[in-house]
């Protein structure tokens, strides 16, 4: 159950990133919702020390995504017309693929842990 909660939290983080990008870049609004990755980190720290590298990989993989979101938000606020003409989502797409690799690795590790547990 805890492992499932961990996986739900990391997948919720993926949705959180999408929501953050949509709100901050396209809707030009703030997005102050807490990251579900915080819950995943808490579950990992309390119950699954063997997942610390997986959580760290997700944290590191999210950094270019967050950086892109904030850079685009600032660029749009400075000059929306110039921002629209220069819009290029490819850096985000490339970084997102790397993020998905980290997410998939964490999920695979969880599956291995689940399969290794004796059935009750």
C-alpha atoms as a PDB file:
ATOM      1  CA  UNK A   1       0.000   0.000   0.000  1.00  0.00           C
ATOM      2  CA  UNK A   2       2.842   2.419   0.838  1.00  0.00           C
ATOM      3  CA  UNK A   3       4.645   1.503  -2.337  1.00  0.00           C
ATOM      4  CA  UNK A   4       1.488   2.156  -4.321  1.00  0.00           C
ATOM      5  CA  UNK A   5       1.124   5.541  -2.598  1.00  0.00           C
ATOM      6  CA  UNK A   6       4.695   6.345  -3.584  1.00  0.00           C
ATOM      7  CA  UNK A   7       4.034   5.491  -7.243  1.00  0.00           C
ATOM      8  CA  UNK A   8       0.779   7.488  -7.229  1.00  0.00           C
ATOM      9  CA  UNK A   9       2.684  10.491  -5.886  1.00  0.00           C
ATOM     10  CA  UNK A  10       5.383  10.349  -8.566  1.00  0.00           C
ATOM     11  CA  UNK A  11       2.766  10.022 -11.289  1.00  0.00           C
ATOM     12  CA  UNK A  12       0.826  12.902  -9.742  1.00  0.00           C
ATOM     13  CA  UNK A  13       4.064  14.879  -9.984  1.00  0.00           C
ATOM     14  CA  UNK A  14       4.070  14.344 -13.729  1.00  0.00           C
ATOM     15  CA  UNK A  15       0.561  15.809 -13.914  1.00  0.00           C
ATOM     16  CA  UNK A  16       1.654  18.627 -11.591  1.00  0.00           C
ATOM     17  CA  UNK A  17       4.423  19.555 -14.057  1.00  0.00           C
ATOM     18  CA  UNK A  18       1.906  19.631 -16.922  1.00  0.00           C
ATOM     19  CA  UNK A  19      -0.454  21.779 -14.848  1.00  0.00           C
ATOM     20  CA  UNK A  20       2.400  24.125 -13.899  1.00  0.00           C
ATOM     21  CA  UNK A  21       3.453  24.554 -17.527  1.00  0.00           C
ATOM     22  CA  UNK A  22      -0.113  25.185 -18.676  1.00  0.00           C
ATOM     23  CA  UNK A  23      -0.865  27.649 -15.892  1.00  0.00           C
ATOM     24  CA  UNK A  24       2.363  29.630 -15.875  1.00  0.00           C
ATOM     25  CA  UNK A  25       3.142  29.731 -19.574  1.00  0.00           C
ATOM     26  CA  UNK A  26      -0.117  29.447 -21.469  1.00  0.00           C
ATOM     27  CA  UNK A  27      -2.691  30.777 -19.001  1.00  0.00           C
ATOM     28  CA  UNK A  28      -0.138  33.280 -17.644  1.00  0.00           C
ATOM     29  CA  UNK A  29      -1.289  32.618 -14.087  1.00  0.00           C
ATOM     30  CA  UNK A  30       0.486  31.557 -10.935  1.00  0.00           C
ATOM     31  CA  UNK A  31       0.714  27.913  -9.935  1.00  0.00           C
ATOM     32  CA  UNK A  32       1.374  27.636  -6.216  1.00  0.00           C
ATOM     33  CA  UNK A  33       0.115  24.092  -5.694  1.00  0.00           C
ATOM     34  CA  UNK A  34       2.466  21.962  -3.611  1.00  0.00           C
ATOM     35  CA  UNK A  35       4.450  19.395  -5.541  1.00  0.00           C
ATOM     36  CA  UNK A  36       3.352  15.766  -5.079  1.00  0.00           C
ATOM     37  CA  UNK A  37       7.033  14.902  -5.218  1.00  0.00           C
ATOM     38  CA  UNK A  38       7.226  16.141  -1.631  1.00  0.00           C
ATOM     39  CA  UNK A  39       4.831  13.366  -0.607  1.00  0.00           C
ATOM     40  CA  UNK A  40       6.839  10.817  -2.580  1.00  0.00           C
ATOM     41  CA  UNK A  41      10.027  12.001  -0.845  1.00  0.00           C
ATOM     42  CA  UNK A  42       8.360  11.658   2.548  1.00  0.00           C
ATOM     43  CA  UNK A  43       7.115   8.132   1.819  1.00  0.00           C
ATOM     44  CA  UNK A  44      10.524   7.168   0.469  1.00  0.00           C
ATOM     45  CA  UNK A  45      12.375   8.612   3.470  1.00  0.00           C
ATOM     46  CA  UNK A  46      10.116   6.853   5.973  1.00  0.00           C
ATOM     47  CA  UNK A  47       9.694   3.471   4.327  1.00  0.00           C
ATOM     48  CA  UNK A  48      11.930   2.883   1.320  1.00  0.00           C
ATOM     49  CA  UNK A  49      15.555   4.001   1.683  1.00  0.00           C
ATOM     50  CA  UNK A  50      16.367   1.858  -1.358  1.00  0.00           C
ATOM     51  CA  UNK A  51      14.385   4.310  -3.509  1.00  0.00           C
ATOM     52  CA  UNK A  52      16.455   7.376  -2.584  1.00  0.00           C
ATOM     53  CA  UNK A  53      18.432   7.308  -5.849  1.00  0.00           C
ATOM     54  CA  UNK A  54      15.193   7.038  -7.840  1.00  0.00           C
ATOM     55  CA  UNK A  55      13.702  10.062  -6.086  1.00  0.00           C
ATOM     56  CA  UNK A  56      16.911  12.017  -6.569  1.00  0.00           C
ATOM     57  CA  UNK A  57      16.872  11.184 -10.288  1.00  0.00           C
ATOM     58  CA  UNK A  58      13.303  12.499 -10.583  1.00  0.00           C
ATOM     59  CA  UNK A  59      14.225  15.648  -8.659  1.00  0.00           C
ATOM     60  CA  UNK A  60      17.190  16.279 -10.941  1.00  0.00           C
ATOM     61  CA  UNK A  61      15.182  15.529 -14.082  1.00  0.00           C
ATOM     62  CA  UNK A  62      12.507  18.062 -13.114  1.00  0.00           C
ATOM     63  CA  UNK A  63      14.991  20.941 -12.803  1.00  0.00           C
ATOM     64  CA  UNK A  64      15.340  21.712 -16.543  1.00  0.00           C
ATOM     65  CA  UNK A  65      11.547  21.528 -16.863  1.00  0.00           C
ATOM     66  CA  UNK A  66      10.978  23.998 -14.054  1.00  0.00           C
ATOM     67  CA  UNK A  67      13.735  26.235 -15.405  1.00  0.00           C
ATOM     68  CA  UNK A  68      12.109  26.239 -18.845  1.00  0.00           C
ATOM     69  CA  UNK A  69       8.710  27.082 -17.363  1.00  0.00           C
ATOM     70  CA  UNK A  70      10.082  30.010 -15.378  1.00  0.00           C
ATOM     71  CA  UNK A  71      12.189  31.319 -18.289  1.00  0.00           C
ATOM     72  CA  UNK A  72       9.193  31.211 -20.618  1.00  0.00           C
ATOM     73  CA  UNK A  73       6.979  32.930 -18.060  1.00  0.00           C
ATOM     74  CA  UNK A  74       9.485  35.768 -17.693  1.00  0.00           C
ATOM     75  CA  UNK A  75       9.943  36.065 -21.459  1.00  0.00           C
ATOM     76  CA  UNK A  76       6.184  36.234 -21.963  1.00  0.00           C
ATOM     77  CA  UNK A  77       5.790  38.877 -19.266  1.00  0.00           C
ATOM     78  CA  UNK A  78       8.581  41.002 -20.766  1.00  0.00           C
ATOM     79  CA  UNK A  79       7.279  40.999 -24.335  1.00  0.00           C
ATOM     80  CA  UNK A  80       4.408  38.736 -25.291  1.00  0.00           C
ATOM     81  CA  UNK A  81       4.651  39.384 -29.033  1.00  0.00           C
ATOM     82  CA  UNK A  82       8.365  38.549 -29.124  1.00  0.00           C
ATOM     83  CA  UNK A  83       7.742  35.517 -26.941  1.00  0.00           C
ATOM     84  CA  UNK A  84       5.045  34.197 -29.294  1.00  0.00           C
ATOM     85  CA  UNK A  85       7.320  34.621 -32.327  1.00  0.00           C
ATOM     86  CA  UNK A  86      10.224  32.875 -30.587  1.00  0.00           C
ATOM     87  CA  UNK A  87       8.149  30.099 -28.960  1.00  0.00           C
ATOM     88  CA  UNK A  88       9.910  26.744 -29.123  1.00  0.00           C
ATOM     89  CA  UNK A  89       8.752  23.922 -26.865  1.00  0.00           C
ATOM     90  CA  UNK A  90      11.429  21.498 -28.078  1.00  0.00           C
ATOM     91  CA  UNK A  91      13.798  22.063 -25.100  1.00  0.00           C
ATOM     92  CA  UNK A  92      10.921  21.162 -22.772  1.00  0.00           C
ATOM     93  CA  UNK A  93      10.050  18.091 -24.824  1.00  0.00           C
ATOM     94  CA  UNK A  94      13.645  16.866 -24.731  1.00  0.00           C
ATOM     95  CA  UNK A  95      13.900  17.423 -20.978  1.00  0.00           C
ATOM     96  CA  UNK A  96      10.508  15.806 -20.439  1.00  0.00           C
ATOM     97  CA  UNK A  97      11.704  12.636 -22.165  1.00  0.00           C
ATOM     98  CA  UNK A  98      14.591  12.489 -19.695  1.00  0.00           C
ATOM     99  CA  UNK A  99      12.149  13.070 -16.857  1.00  0.00           C
ATOM    100  CA  UNK A 100      10.016  10.157 -18.103  1.00  0.00           C
ATOM    101  CA  UNK A 101      13.090   7.926 -18.102  1.00  0.00           C
ATOM    102  CA  UNK A 102      13.636   8.743 -14.413  1.00  0.00           C
ATOM    103  CA  UNK A 103       9.938   8.200 -13.674  1.00  0.00           C
ATOM    104  CA  UNK A 104       9.961   4.867 -15.476  1.00  0.00           C
ATOM    105  CA  UNK A 105      13.099   3.741 -13.641  1.00  0.00           C
ATOM    106  CA  UNK A 106      11.496   4.560 -10.291  1.00  0.00           C
ATOM    107  CA  UNK A 107       8.336   2.693 -11.228  1.00  0.00           C
ATOM    108  CA  UNK A 108      10.351  -0.316 -12.393  1.00  0.00           C
ATOM    109  CA  UNK A 109      12.254  -0.356  -9.115  1.00  0.00           C
ATOM    110  CA  UNK A 110       8.933  -0.299  -7.237  1.00  0.00           C
ATOM    111  CA  UNK A 111       7.644  -3.173  -9.330  1.00  0.00           C
ATOM    112  CA  UNK A 112      10.768  -5.204  -8.554  1.00  0.00           C
ATOM    113  CA  UNK A 113      10.287  -4.497  -4.852  1.00  0.00           C
ATOM    114  CA  UNK A 114       6.637  -5.494  -5.064  1.00  0.00           C
ATOM    115  CA  UNK A 115       7.389  -8.750  -6.864  1.00  0.00           C
ATOM    116  CA  UNK A 116      10.120  -9.573  -4.348  1.00  0.00           C
ATOM    117  CA  UNK A 117       7.676  -9.383  -1.428  1.00  0.00           C
ATOM    118  CA  UNK A 118       6.318 -12.683  -0.199  1.00  0.00           C
ATOM    119  CA  UNK A 119       2.578 -13.035  -0.707  1.00  0.00           C
ATOM    120  CA  UNK A 120       0.499 -12.889   2.452  1.00  0.00           C
END
